[in-house]
Protein backbone atom coordinates (compact mmCIF):
# COMPACT_ATOMS: atom_id res chain seq x y z
CA MET A 1 36.65 -19.88 -0.43
CA ASN A 2 32.94 -18.99 -0.07
CA LEU A 3 32.62 -19.25 -3.85
CA VAL A 4 34.06 -22.76 -3.71
CA LEU A 5 31.60 -23.84 -1.01
CA LYS A 6 28.66 -22.39 -2.92
CA ARG A 7 29.81 -24.27 -6.00
CA ILE A 8 30.11 -27.54 -4.10
CA LEU A 9 26.71 -27.15 -2.46
CA PHE A 10 25.10 -26.20 -5.77
CA PHE A 11 26.25 -29.44 -7.32
CA CYS A 12 25.26 -31.32 -4.17
CA GLY A 13 21.73 -30.02 -4.70
CA ILE A 14 21.75 -31.21 -8.30
CA ALA A 15 23.07 -34.57 -7.17
CA LEU A 16 20.23 -35.11 -4.72
CA LEU A 17 17.69 -34.38 -7.44
CA ILE A 18 19.08 -36.80 -10.01
CA ILE A 19 20.70 -39.50 -7.83
CA SER A 20 20.00 -42.94 -9.33
CA CYS A 21 20.55 -46.67 -9.03
CA GLY A 22 23.97 -46.10 -10.63
CA VAL A 23 25.13 -44.78 -7.28
CA LYS A 24 24.05 -47.94 -5.49
CA LYS A 25 26.10 -50.08 -7.88
CA SER A 26 29.25 -48.04 -7.33
CA LEU A 27 28.81 -48.13 -3.54
CA HIS A 28 28.69 -51.94 -3.51
CA GLU A 29 31.24 -52.68 -6.23
CA ILE A 30 34.18 -54.84 -5.10
CA PRO A 31 36.92 -55.90 -7.53
CA GLU A 32 37.52 -59.57 -8.29
CA VAL A 33 40.86 -60.60 -6.77
CA SER A 34 40.54 -64.41 -6.62
CA GLU A 35 42.93 -64.82 -9.56
CA TYR A 36 45.80 -63.37 -7.54
CA GLU A 37 47.88 -65.35 -5.09
CA THR A 38 47.79 -63.49 -1.79
CA PRO A 39 50.22 -65.07 0.68
CA ILE A 40 51.55 -62.10 2.64
CA ASP A 41 54.16 -62.23 5.41
CA GLN A 42 53.62 -60.53 8.75
CA ARG A 43 55.05 -57.04 9.09
CA LYS A 44 58.07 -56.84 11.38
CA LYS A 45 58.87 -53.61 13.17
CA ILE A 46 62.62 -53.02 13.38
CA ASN A 47 62.24 -49.59 15.00
CA ASP A 48 59.92 -46.56 14.78
CA SER A 49 61.17 -45.77 11.29
CA THR A 50 61.75 -49.19 9.70
CA TYR A 51 59.27 -51.97 8.88
CA ILE A 52 59.97 -55.19 6.95
CA LEU A 53 57.53 -57.50 5.17
CA GLY A 54 59.38 -60.40 3.55
CA SER A 55 61.74 -58.86 1.00
CA ASN A 56 59.77 -55.60 1.00
CA PHE A 57 60.24 -52.71 3.43
CA LEU A 58 59.49 -49.16 4.50
CA THR A 59 62.19 -47.01 6.08
CA LYS A 60 62.81 -43.35 6.81
CA ASN A 61 66.03 -41.76 5.58
CA LYS A 62 68.01 -39.13 7.46
CA GLN A 63 66.31 -36.33 5.48
CA GLY A 64 62.93 -37.42 6.88
CA GLN A 65 61.60 -39.03 3.69
CA TRP A 66 59.96 -42.43 3.73
CA GLU A 67 61.35 -44.95 1.23
CA LEU A 68 59.11 -47.85 0.21
CA LEU A 69 60.07 -50.95 -1.79
CA VAL A 70 57.29 -53.38 -2.82
CA ASP A 71 56.82 -56.12 -5.40
CA GLY A 72 54.14 -58.57 -6.50
CA ASN A 73 50.88 -58.86 -8.42
CA PRO A 74 48.33 -56.01 -8.24
CA TYR A 75 46.51 -57.25 -5.14
CA GLN A 76 49.78 -58.08 -3.38
CA LEU A 77 51.16 -54.63 -4.19
CA GLY A 78 48.11 -53.07 -2.55
CA LEU A 79 48.14 -55.35 0.49
CA LYS A 80 51.88 -54.94 1.07
CA THR A 81 51.81 -51.17 0.57
CA GLY A 82 48.83 -50.84 2.92
CA ILE A 83 50.38 -53.02 5.63
CA LEU A 84 53.81 -51.37 5.47
CA THR A 85 52.47 -47.80 5.35
CA LYS A 86 49.40 -48.28 7.56
CA GLU A 87 50.22 -45.48 10.01
CA LEU A 88 51.16 -43.06 7.21
CA PHE A 89 48.03 -44.01 5.27
CA ASN A 90 45.76 -43.52 8.28
CA TYR A 91 47.41 -40.19 9.05
CA GLN A 92 46.88 -39.01 5.47
CA GLU A 93 43.21 -39.97 5.59
CA GLU A 94 42.81 -37.89 8.73
CA ILE A 95 44.36 -34.91 6.94
CA PHE A 96 41.84 -35.20 4.11
CA VAL A 97 38.92 -35.51 6.51
CA ASN A 98 40.11 -32.57 8.63
CA LYS A 99 40.38 -30.48 5.47
CA ILE A 100 36.79 -31.33 4.60
CA ASP A 101 35.71 -30.40 8.13
CA GLU A 102 37.57 -27.09 7.81
CA LEU A 103 35.96 -26.22 4.47
CA VAL A 104 32.51 -27.57 5.31
CA PRO A 105 32.04 -27.32 9.11
CA SER A 106 28.26 -27.78 9.09
CA GLU A 107 27.12 -31.36 9.75
CA GLY A 108 24.16 -30.90 7.42
CA LYS A 109 26.35 -29.64 4.60
CA GLN A 110 28.80 -32.50 5.19
CA ASN A 111 25.94 -34.95 4.75
CA PHE A 112 25.07 -33.20 1.50
CA LEU A 113 28.71 -33.43 0.43
CA ARG A 114 28.89 -37.18 1.12
CA LYS A 115 25.85 -37.76 -1.06
CA PHE A 116 27.36 -35.58 -3.73
CA LEU A 117 30.62 -37.57 -3.66
CA ALA A 118 28.70 -40.82 -4.07
CA TRP A 119 26.82 -39.38 -7.04
CA PHE A 120 29.83 -37.65 -8.58
CA ASN A 121 32.03 -40.77 -8.39
CA ARG A 122 29.32 -43.21 -9.49
CA LYS A 123 31.06 -44.03 -12.81
CA MET A 124 34.67 -43.87 -11.65
CA TYR A 125 34.94 -47.62 -11.07
CA LEU A 126 33.94 -48.25 -14.71
CA ASN A 127 36.88 -46.14 -15.91
CA ILE A 128 39.68 -47.69 -13.85
CA ASP A 129 41.72 -50.68 -14.98
CA GLU A 130 40.86 -53.88 -13.08
CA LYS A 131 44.48 -54.33 -12.00
CA PHE A 132 44.54 -50.89 -10.38
CA LYS A 133 41.21 -51.55 -8.71
CA ALA A 134 42.68 -54.74 -7.22
CA GLU A 135 45.64 -52.73 -5.93
CA ILE A 136 43.39 -50.04 -4.44
CA TYR A 137 41.27 -52.77 -2.84
CA GLY A 138 44.42 -54.27 -1.31
CA ILE A 139 45.43 -50.92 0.17
CA SER A 140 41.90 -50.30 1.48
CA LYS A 141 42.29 -53.32 3.77
CA SER A 142 44.54 -51.07 5.90
CA ALA A 143 42.22 -48.03 5.86
CA LYS A 144 40.89 -46.41 9.02
CA GLN A 145 37.70 -48.10 10.19
CA ASP A 146 36.22 -45.07 11.96
CA LEU A 147 35.80 -43.13 8.71
CA ASP A 148 33.17 -45.42 7.21
CA TYR A 149 30.59 -42.67 7.68
CA ILE A 150 32.20 -40.96 4.65
CA ALA A 151 32.26 -44.15 2.54
CA LYS A 152 33.37 -47.76 2.88
CA PRO A 153 37.17 -48.20 2.78
CA TYR A 154 37.49 -49.33 -0.86
CA GLN A 155 35.19 -46.63 -2.22
CA ARG A 156 36.79 -44.02 0.04
CA VAL A 157 40.32 -44.80 -1.14
CA MET A 158 39.12 -44.67 -4.74
CA TYR A 159 37.51 -41.26 -4.07
CA PHE A 160 40.81 -39.96 -2.68
CA HIS A 161 42.46 -40.80 -6.03
CA GLY A 162 40.24 -38.18 -7.61
CA ALA A 163 41.09 -35.50 -5.03
CA HIS A 164 43.99 -34.22 -7.13
CA ASP A 165 41.65 -33.77 -10.11
CA ILE A 166 39.02 -31.98 -8.01
CA GLY A 167 41.75 -29.70 -6.65
CA HIS A 168 42.52 -28.72 -10.24
CA ALA A 169 38.87 -28.04 -11.05
CA LEU A 170 38.43 -25.88 -7.94
CA GLN A 171 41.01 -23.28 -8.98
CA ASP A 172 39.69 -20.95 -6.28
CA LEU A 173 41.39 -23.18 -3.69
CA ALA A 174 44.78 -22.38 -5.22
CA LEU A 175 45.82 -26.00 -4.80
CA VAL A 176 47.95 -26.12 -7.91
CA GLY A 177 50.45 -24.12 -9.97
CA CYS A 178 53.03 -26.64 -11.17
CA SER A 179 56.08 -25.84 -13.29
CA SER A 180 58.13 -28.27 -15.43
CA PHE A 181 60.99 -28.10 -17.91
CA ALA A 182 63.36 -30.37 -19.81
CA ALA A 183 66.67 -29.73 -21.56
CA TRP A 184 68.85 -32.01 -23.68
CA GLY A 185 71.52 -31.98 -26.37
CA GLU A 186 73.49 -28.72 -26.49
CA HIS A 187 71.44 -27.35 -23.58
CA THR A 188 72.94 -29.74 -21.00
CA GLN A 189 76.50 -30.13 -19.83
CA ASP A 190 76.93 -33.72 -21.06
CA GLY A 191 74.20 -33.73 -23.73
CA LYS A 192 71.95 -36.04 -21.69
CA MET A 193 68.41 -35.01 -20.86
CA ILE A 194 67.54 -33.35 -17.55
CA VAL A 195 63.97 -32.78 -16.36
CA GLY A 196 62.90 -30.57 -13.45
CA ARG A 197 59.48 -30.10 -11.89
CA ASN A 198 57.73 -28.55 -8.88
CA PHE A 199 54.52 -30.22 -7.72
CA ASP A 200 52.57 -27.38 -6.13
CA PHE A 201 49.63 -29.32 -4.73
CA TYR A 202 48.89 -27.74 -1.35
CA VAL A 203 46.45 -29.09 1.22
CA GLY A 204 48.26 -27.70 4.25
CA GLU A 205 51.61 -28.24 5.93
CA GLU A 206 50.64 -31.54 7.55
CA PHE A 207 49.68 -33.09 4.21
CA SER A 208 53.24 -32.76 2.88
CA LYS A 209 54.88 -33.91 6.10
CA ASN A 210 55.18 -37.62 5.22
CA LYS A 211 56.25 -37.94 1.60
CA ILE A 212 56.80 -41.49 0.38
CA ILE A 213 59.32 -42.27 -2.36
CA ALA A 214 57.93 -45.55 -3.66
CA PHE A 215 59.93 -48.10 -5.66
CA VAL A 216 57.53 -50.58 -7.24
CA LYS A 217 58.35 -53.90 -8.92
CA PRO A 218 55.08 -55.14 -10.44
CA ASP A 219 54.69 -58.66 -11.85
CA GLU A 220 53.67 -57.10 -15.18
CA GLY A 221 55.19 -54.07 -16.90
CA HIS A 222 58.14 -51.93 -15.91
CA ASN A 223 59.63 -51.27 -12.49
CA PHE A 224 59.17 -47.62 -11.51
CA MET A 225 59.58 -45.03 -8.77
CA SER A 226 57.20 -42.22 -7.82
CA VAL A 227 56.74 -39.60 -5.11
CA THR A 228 53.47 -40.21 -3.32
CA TRP A 229 51.68 -40.33 0.05
CA GLY A 230 49.98 -43.00 2.14
CA GLY A 231 47.03 -44.73 0.44
CA PHE A 232 47.77 -43.37 -3.05
CA ILE A 233 48.86 -45.59 -5.97
CA GLY A 234 48.63 -42.92 -8.70
CA VAL A 235 51.66 -41.20 -10.21
CA LEU A 236 52.25 -37.45 -9.93
CA SER A 237 56.01 -37.50 -10.57
CA GLY A 238 57.89 -40.65 -11.46
CA MET A 239 60.27 -42.57 -13.72
CA ASN A 240 60.50 -46.20 -14.78
CA ASP A 241 63.47 -48.47 -15.43
CA GLN A 242 63.23 -47.72 -19.17
CA GLY A 243 64.16 -44.10 -18.56
CA LEU A 244 60.64 -42.78 -19.18
CA SER A 245 59.64 -40.02 -16.74
CA VAL A 246 56.14 -38.65 -16.19
CA THR A 247 54.90 -35.52 -14.43
CA ILE A 248 51.54 -33.71 -14.56
CA ASN A 249 50.55 -30.04 -14.71
CA ALA A 250 46.98 -28.83 -14.29
CA GLY A 251 45.14 -27.06 -17.09
CA LYS A 252 42.07 -24.84 -16.85
CA SER A 253 38.99 -27.00 -16.23
CA ASP A 254 35.28 -26.52 -15.78
CA PHE A 255 33.88 -28.13 -12.67
CA PRO A 256 33.14 -31.69 -13.91
CA LEU A 257 29.74 -33.30 -13.40
CA ILE A 258 31.04 -36.87 -13.26
CA ALA A 259 34.33 -38.53 -12.35
CA LYS A 260 35.95 -40.81 -14.91
CA THR A 261 39.63 -41.83 -14.88
CA PRO A 262 41.73 -39.92 -12.33
CA ILE A 263 44.68 -38.41 -14.17
CA SER A 264 47.16 -39.96 -11.71
CA LEU A 265 46.00 -43.43 -12.76
CA VAL A 266 46.48 -42.55 -16.43
CA THR A 267 50.07 -41.57 -15.66
CA ARG A 268 50.52 -44.67 -13.49
CA GLU A 269 49.49 -46.79 -16.47
CA ILE A 270 51.91 -44.92 -18.71
CA LEU A 271 54.78 -45.34 -16.27
CA GLN A 272 54.12 -49.05 -15.78
CA TYR A 273 53.55 -50.01 -19.41
CA ALA A 274 55.24 -47.44 -21.70
CA SER A 275 58.90 -47.02 -22.64
CA THR A 276 58.59 -44.41 -25.41
CA ILE A 277 56.63 -41.23 -26.06
CA GLU A 278 54.60 -43.02 -28.78
CA GLU A 279 53.57 -45.76 -26.34
CA ALA A 280 52.64 -43.13 -23.73
CA ILE A 281 50.42 -41.30 -26.24
CA ALA A 282 48.69 -44.55 -27.20
CA ILE A 283 47.83 -45.29 -23.57
CA ALA A 284 46.61 -41.75 -22.86
CA LYS A 285 44.26 -41.93 -25.86
CA THR A 286 42.46 -44.93 -24.39
CA ARG A 287 41.42 -43.18 -21.17
CA GLU A 288 38.58 -40.73 -20.52
CA VAL A 289 39.59 -38.03 -18.04
CA PHE A 290 37.39 -35.50 -16.24
CA VAL A 291 39.76 -32.53 -15.92
CA SER A 292 42.29 -30.82 -18.18
CA GLU A 293 45.91 -31.83 -17.70
CA SER A 294 49.34 -31.66 -19.31
CA ILE A 295 51.26 -34.95 -19.07
CA PHE A 296 54.97 -34.14 -19.39
CA ILE A 297 56.84 -37.13 -20.84
CA ALA A 298 60.63 -37.44 -21.12
CA SER A 299 62.08 -40.53 -22.80
CA ALA A 300 65.62 -41.89 -22.71
CA LYS A 301 64.89 -44.03 -25.77
CA ASP A 302 63.58 -41.06 -27.77
CA LYS A 303 66.18 -38.68 -26.26
CA LYS A 304 63.59 -35.91 -26.06
CA ALA A 305 60.49 -34.74 -24.19
CA ALA A 306 56.89 -34.08 -25.23
CA ILE A 307 53.64 -32.94 -23.61
CA ILE A 308 50.40 -34.91 -23.91
CA GLU A 309 47.49 -32.48 -23.36
CA VAL A 310 44.26 -34.15 -22.29
CA SER A 311 40.82 -32.85 -21.38
CA PRO A 312 37.29 -34.31 -21.33
CA LYS A 313 36.62 -33.19 -24.93
CA ASN A 314 40.01 -32.76 -26.56
CA PHE A 315 43.46 -34.31 -26.97
CA GLY A 316 46.72 -32.84 -28.24
CA VAL A 317 50.46 -33.50 -28.29
CA TYR A 318 53.05 -30.74 -28.13
CA GLU A 319 56.63 -31.27 -29.27
CA VAL A 320 59.26 -28.62 -29.92
CA GLU A 321 61.13 -28.23 -33.20
CA ASN A 322 64.62 -26.81 -33.74
CA THR A 323 65.31 -26.57 -30.02
CA ASN A 324 66.36 -28.93 -27.25
CA GLN A 325 64.30 -27.59 -24.38
CA LEU A 326 60.63 -27.93 -23.43
CA ILE A 327 58.73 -25.85 -20.87
CA CYS A 328 55.33 -26.44 -19.25
CA SER A 329 53.35 -24.47 -16.67
CA ASN A 330 49.53 -24.61 -16.50
CA HIS A 331 48.29 -23.84 -19.98
CA PHE A 332 48.11 -25.86 -23.20
CA GLN A 333 50.47 -25.29 -26.14
CA SER A 334 49.46 -27.79 -28.85
CA ALA A 335 47.57 -26.95 -32.04
CA ALA A 336 44.57 -28.89 -30.73
CA TYR A 337 43.96 -26.12 -28.15
CA ALA A 338 44.92 -23.12 -30.30
CA ASN A 339 41.32 -21.87 -30.35
CA ASP A 340 40.27 -23.09 -26.92
CA LYS A 341 38.56 -20.15 -25.21
CA LYS A 342 39.22 -21.28 -21.64
CA ASN A 343 42.88 -21.92 -22.36
CA LYS A 344 43.27 -18.46 -23.90
CA GLU A 345 41.60 -16.84 -20.89
CA HIS A 346 43.81 -18.83 -18.54
CA ILE A 347 46.98 -17.64 -20.32
CA LEU A 348 45.77 -14.05 -20.09
CA GLU A 349 44.42 -13.99 -16.54
CA SER A 350 46.44 -16.48 -14.48
CA HIS A 351 50.09 -16.69 -13.40
CA SER A 352 50.84 -19.59 -15.77
CA GLN A 353 52.33 -17.51 -18.61
CA TYR A 354 54.43 -15.50 -16.15
CA ARG A 355 56.04 -18.65 -14.72
CA TYR A 356 56.54 -19.99 -18.24
CA GLU A 357 58.47 -16.84 -19.19
CA ARG A 358 60.48 -17.00 -15.97
CA MET A 359 61.56 -20.55 -16.84
CA GLU A 360 62.53 -19.35 -20.31
CA GLU A 361 64.56 -16.57 -18.71
CA LEU A 362 66.37 -18.83 -16.25
CA LEU A 363 67.14 -21.49 -18.85
CA ALA A 364 68.58 -18.81 -21.15
CA MET A 365 70.82 -17.61 -18.30
CA GLN A 366 72.18 -21.16 -17.87
CA PRO A 367 72.78 -22.57 -21.38
CA LYS A 368 74.33 -25.81 -20.05
CA ILE A 369 71.97 -27.37 -17.50
CA THR A 370 73.19 -29.75 -14.80
CA PRO A 371 71.11 -31.41 -12.06
CA GLU A 372 72.39 -28.78 -9.62
CA ILE A 373 71.33 -25.93 -11.93
CA ALA A 374 67.94 -27.59 -12.43
CA VAL A 375 67.46 -27.59 -8.64
CA ASP A 376 68.45 -23.91 -8.49
CA ILE A 377 65.76 -23.14 -11.07
CA LEU A 378 63.13 -25.05 -9.09
CA ARG A 379 64.11 -23.11 -5.97
CA ASP A 380 63.91 -19.70 -7.69
CA LYS A 381 61.80 -17.24 -5.68
CA LYS A 382 62.05 -14.13 -7.86
CA GLY A 383 60.00 -12.72 -10.71
CA LEU A 384 60.92 -11.73 -14.25
CA ASP A 385 64.11 -9.68 -14.57
CA GLU A 386 65.09 -10.78 -11.04
CA LYS A 387 62.30 -8.68 -9.53
CA GLU A 388 61.53 -9.17 -5.83
CA ILE A 389 57.86 -10.22 -5.84
CA GLY A 390 57.45 -11.38 -2.24
CA TYR A 391 57.75 -14.87 -0.79
CA GLY A 392 54.79 -17.13 -1.52
CA ASN A 393 53.79 -15.30 -4.70
CA GLU A 394 52.27 -17.78 -7.17
CA LYS A 395 54.16 -16.06 -9.98
CA ALA A 396 57.39 -17.51 -8.55
CA LEU A 397 58.59 -20.96 -9.54
CA ASN A 398 59.18 -21.68 -5.86
CA GLN A 399 55.96 -20.60 -4.18
CA LEU A 400 57.17 -22.04 -0.85
CA LEU A 401 54.28 -24.50 -0.67
CA ALA A 402 55.27 -27.36 -3.01
CA HIS A 403 54.58 -30.94 -1.99
CA HIS A 404 57.85 -31.80 -3.71
CA GLY A 405 60.41 -30.80 -6.29
CA ILE A 406 62.07 -33.46 -8.43
CA VAL A 407 64.83 -33.76 -11.05
CA PHE A 408 65.24 -36.68 -13.47
CA LYS A 409 68.20 -37.74 -15.62
CA PRO A 410 66.42 -40.43 -17.68
CA GLU A 411 69.39 -41.76 -19.68
CA ASP A 412 71.32 -42.45 -16.46
CA LEU A 413 68.21 -43.58 -14.51
CA LEU A 414 68.99 -41.01 -11.80
CA VAL A 415 66.39 -39.14 -9.74
CA TRP A 416 66.71 -36.36 -7.14
CA VAL A 417 63.77 -35.72 -4.75
CA SER A 418 63.47 -32.67 -2.49
CA SER A 419 63.24 -33.05 1.27
CA ASN A 420 61.23 -30.80 3.57
CA PRO A 421 60.53 -27.98 3.79
CA TYR A 422 59.22 -27.42 0.25
CA GLN A 423 62.11 -27.55 -2.25
CA LEU A 424 64.57 -26.09 0.25
CA GLY A 425 65.87 -29.25 1.90
CA GLU A 426 68.52 -31.52 0.47
CA PHE A 427 67.63 -33.14 -2.89
CA VAL A 428 68.16 -36.84 -2.25
CA ALA A 429 69.59 -38.90 -5.12
CA TYR A 430 68.38 -42.34 -6.24
CA ASP A 431 69.99 -44.64 -8.81
CA LEU A 432 67.24 -46.80 -10.32
CA LYS A 433 69.74 -49.15 -11.99
CA GLU A 434 71.14 -50.04 -8.60
CA ILE A 435 67.80 -50.20 -6.79
CA PHE A 436 65.97 -52.37 -9.33
CA THR A 437 68.83 -54.79 -10.05
CA LYS A 438 69.78 -55.39 -6.43
CA LYS A 439 68.36 -58.71 -5.26
CA GLU A 440 68.79 -58.28 -1.52
CA PHE A 441 69.04 -55.36 0.87
CA ILE A 442 70.92 -55.55 4.15
CA THR A 443 68.44 -55.25 7.03
CA SER A 444 70.80 -53.04 9.01
CA ASN A 445 71.03 -50.50 6.17
CA LEU A 446 67.90 -50.31 4.05
CA ALA A 447 68.38 -46.74 2.76
CA LEU A 448 67.89 -46.65 -1.01
CA SER A 449 69.47 -43.26 -1.73
CA ASN A 450 72.91 -42.58 -3.14
CA SER A 451 74.16 -39.92 -0.72
CA ASN A 452 77.28 -39.20 -2.80
CA LEU A 453 75.05 -37.59 -5.44
CA ASN A 454 72.79 -35.57 -3.11
CA ILE A 455 72.31 -31.86 -3.87
CA SER A 456 72.79 -29.54 -0.89
CA THR A 457 70.15 -27.70 1.11
CA ASP A 458 69.18 -24.22 -0.11
CA PRO A 459 71.10 -21.62 1.98
CA PHE A 460 67.85 -19.60 2.04
CA LEU A 461 66.62 -22.05 4.67
CA TYR A 462 69.07 -20.52 7.19
CA SER A 463 68.45 -16.89 6.28
CA GLU A 464 66.65 -14.09 8.09
CA ALA A 465 64.33 -13.85 5.08
CA TYR A 466 63.16 -17.42 5.62
CA ALA A 467 62.64 -16.82 9.33
CA ASN A 468 60.52 -13.79 8.42
CA TYR A 469 58.57 -15.89 5.92
CA ILE A 470 57.71 -18.43 8.63
CA LYS A 471 56.61 -15.51 10.82
CA TYR A 472 54.48 -14.25 7.92
CA ARG A 473 52.77 -17.67 7.58
CA GLY A 474 51.76 -17.57 11.25
CA LEU A 475 50.54 -13.98 11.12
CA TYR A 476 48.67 -14.64 7.87
CA THR A 477 46.30 -16.97 9.75
CA VAL A 478 45.81 -14.38 12.51
CA VAL A 479 45.02 -11.56 10.07
CA LYS A 480 42.69 -13.71 7.94
CA LYS A 481 40.73 -14.71 11.04
CA ALA A 482 40.43 -11.08 12.13
CA ILE A 483 39.11 -10.17 8.67
CA THR A 484 36.54 -12.98 8.74
CA THR A 485 35.31 -12.15 12.24
CA GLU A 486 35.78 -8.36 11.85
CA SER A 487 37.67 -8.33 15.13
CA HIS A 488 40.36 -5.84 16.21
CA LEU A 489 44.10 -6.50 16.08
CA GLU A 490 46.89 -4.68 17.85
CA GLN A 491 48.65 -2.25 15.51
CA SER A 492 51.94 -3.97 16.29
CA ILE A 493 50.61 -7.22 14.78
CA LEU A 494 49.72 -5.48 11.53
CA GLN A 495 53.12 -3.78 11.40
CA GLU A 496 54.90 -7.07 12.04
CA PHE A 497 52.78 -8.73 9.35
CA GLU A 498 53.76 -6.03 6.84
CA THR A 499 57.49 -6.18 7.59
CA SER A 500 57.57 -10.00 7.51
CA ASN A 501 56.99 -10.10 3.74
CA PRO A 502 56.93 -6.49 2.46
CA GLN A 503 57.27 -7.20 -1.29
CA PHE A 504 54.25 -9.51 -1.43
CA TRP A 505 51.18 -7.68 -2.71
CA GLU A 506 48.75 -9.84 -0.73
CA VAL A 507 50.20 -8.68 2.61
CA HIS A 508 49.18 -5.10 1.87
CA TYR A 509 45.89 -6.22 0.32
CA LEU A 510 44.90 -8.14 3.49
CA ILE A 511 45.83 -5.18 5.69
CA GLY A 512 43.68 -3.01 3.45
CA LEU A 513 40.80 -5.48 3.67
CA TYR A 514 41.10 -5.55 7.46
CA TYR A 515 40.84 -1.74 7.64
CA TYR A 516 38.08 -1.67 5.00
CA ASN A 517 35.85 -4.07 6.94
CA LEU A 518 36.25 -1.98 10.10
CA GLY A 519 35.50 1.28 8.30
CA TYR A 520 38.99 2.80 8.48
CA ASP A 521 38.81 4.07 4.91
CA THR A 522 41.94 6.23 4.80
CA LEU A 523 44.16 3.46 6.17
CA ALA A 524 42.50 0.94 3.86
CA LEU A 525 43.16 3.11 0.81
CA GLN A 526 46.81 3.54 1.80
CA ALA A 527 47.28 -0.23 2.11
CA PHE A 528 45.44 -1.00 -1.14
CA THR A 529 47.47 1.65 -2.98
CA THR A 530 50.71 0.08 -1.73
CA ALA A 531 49.48 -3.36 -2.84
CA ARG A 532 48.90 -1.95 -6.33
CA THR A 533 52.63 -1.13 -6.63
CA LYS A 534 53.62 -4.78 -6.12
CA GLU A 535 53.56 -7.76 -8.51
CA ILE A 536 49.92 -8.87 -8.32
CA THR A 537 49.33 -12.56 -8.97
CA THR A 538 46.41 -12.64 -11.43
CA ILE A 539 44.19 -10.30 -13.48
CA PRO A 540 41.12 -11.10 -11.32
CA ASP A 541 43.16 -10.22 -8.21
CA LYS A 542 44.17 -6.92 -9.78
CA GLU A 543 40.59 -6.13 -10.83
CA GLU A 544 39.30 -6.82 -7.31
CA LEU A 545 41.98 -4.57 -5.80
CA GLU A 546 41.17 -1.75 -8.23
CA SER A 547 37.49 -2.09 -7.37
CA TYR A 548 38.21 -1.49 -3.67
CA ILE A 549 40.38 1.54 -4.51
CA ARG A 550 37.61 3.08 -6.63
CA LYS A 551 35.01 2.53 -3.89
CA LEU A 552 37.22 4.10 -1.24
CA LYS A 553 38.09 7.12 -3.37
CA ARG A 554 34.39 7.78 -3.97
CA ARG A 555 33.64 7.47 -0.25
CA LEU A 556 36.52 9.70 0.79
CA ASN A 557 35.74 12.37 -1.77
C-alpha cells in the first residue's frame, strides 16, 4: 500500500510541474444536450425499496438486488437513472471518497491528489462519445453537492468512470483478478453457449452492498442489461437483446500518464451497438484506451466466443480453433502479444495462469456444462488438483471478494446474477426476451427476475468454514493494525487468527510479520516457515517471504 501511495504522489508531483491550460478546458467542459427532449416525470416513492418514474422504475428484489428499468434518449437515460437511483448513487460516491480518505489521510496529500486527477483526466472528455457524455451529465444532476471540493458533479462522475481502469493499473491494491469462460457445442448439455464470469473488483464490503441490475432501452441501438452501481453507466458484465454478451478482464498495465477512453465505456458502446463479434471488434478498434484489458465477447449470432485484447499501444483478437471452449483470466493470449514482455512476466509471476489452469481442470471434469455447473465453477474455492489453498486466496476462482458472478446463455437471452455475499447467494435469473418485449409492468409486482430459473444458494454459506472465514476477515484487520502500529496482541487473538483460516499462506505470513516487527525472531521464523508450506499467491510474495526467512536464519545463527 505504501508503494501505491508513493506512486500516486510521484505522479502528483509531475502533474503540478506540467499542469497546463488543457486542464482548465476539461474542468469547464459541459456537453451539449439541447438537441434532446427532456420532459421527465416526478419520481414517486411506493415504499423504501420501490420508486417509479413514468414507465421506468427501481425496485429491490427479495435477494437484496436493485433492479432498474430505464428508457429514452441519452440525456433522458442519465436524468432518469440519476433520479431513480439518487440515494444509491450518493451512497456509492461516499464509498469512493471514504476510500480515498483511507488511502490518503493527509489533507495536503489529498489536495495534491485532486490536482493530479484534474491533470490526469484532462483529455478524457475528448475520448468519450458525445451521447455517453450527455448521459453522464444527466446522472450528475443527482450527484452529491457537498463533494464539489473534489470536482464539480459532471467532472467527478466522469472521473469515477475511470476508477476501474486505475484499479487495474495499481495492481498493488489487489483490486482485480477476474476469471471468465465460455463453452458451446459438444461442451454444453444442449449445445447452446454458456458463459460464466467472476468480477473481482474489490473496494471494500460496502462498495458491493448495493448492486444494480440495469435494464436499458435506449432510443438508438440495442436494448441491454448490465450489472452496475449507482452513478455508473459503463458496462463490466452485460448482454444485449441480440444475444451478445460482454465482460472485461484486466491485463498487466503500466501506470498511465493520461486518461483516454475508460474501458467500461468501450464495452458499453459494444453492447449498445454491436450484434456480432466482427461488429464488436470494429468498435473496439476506434477507441483509445489507457490500460490493458481483455474484452470477452460471446455472440448468439456467431455461436462462439472471442477475446478482444486492447492496450494503449497494441490490439489483438484471440479465437480458439478445433475446440468449443474459451478461457480468460488476466493475461493476453493472442499472437499480437506473443512477445510482450510485461504479459510474459505477468503470466510467470501472478496468479493469472494458475486460475486459467484451474478453469481448464474444472471444465474437463464437467464435459457437458449447464448454467448450474457454470455457477459451481464460479464458486470454486480450491486450487489445482482439489488442493486446499485457504479461503480468500487469489489463486482460487472464488476469492470470496467478488463484486458479482454472472452466467449468460446468449442464444436463449437468459442471464443469472449472483446475490450477496460474493458469489454465494442465490443466482437470480432474468429472461431478456420477456423483459424487453413487455410493454407494461404491474405496479404491485415490478420484479423483473424469473424465480423459476434461479440457482440455489451455495451450501458453503451455512457452513462452519464460512463462519470461520468471516471471523478471519475481522481478525485480519486487527492483526494488520497491530503490525502497522507495532502494538502487542493477546496470544489468544493470534491463535484464533491462525485457526480461522489455517490453509491460507497469508495468515501465517502476517503472524510472522507481527513477531518479526516486535523482535520475536524464533516465533517469526516458525510462522514464516509454515507459510512457505502453503500455496503462495504470487512469485513476488514468495520471494519476499524467502527474504524474511534468510534474514532470520542469519540473525538466529
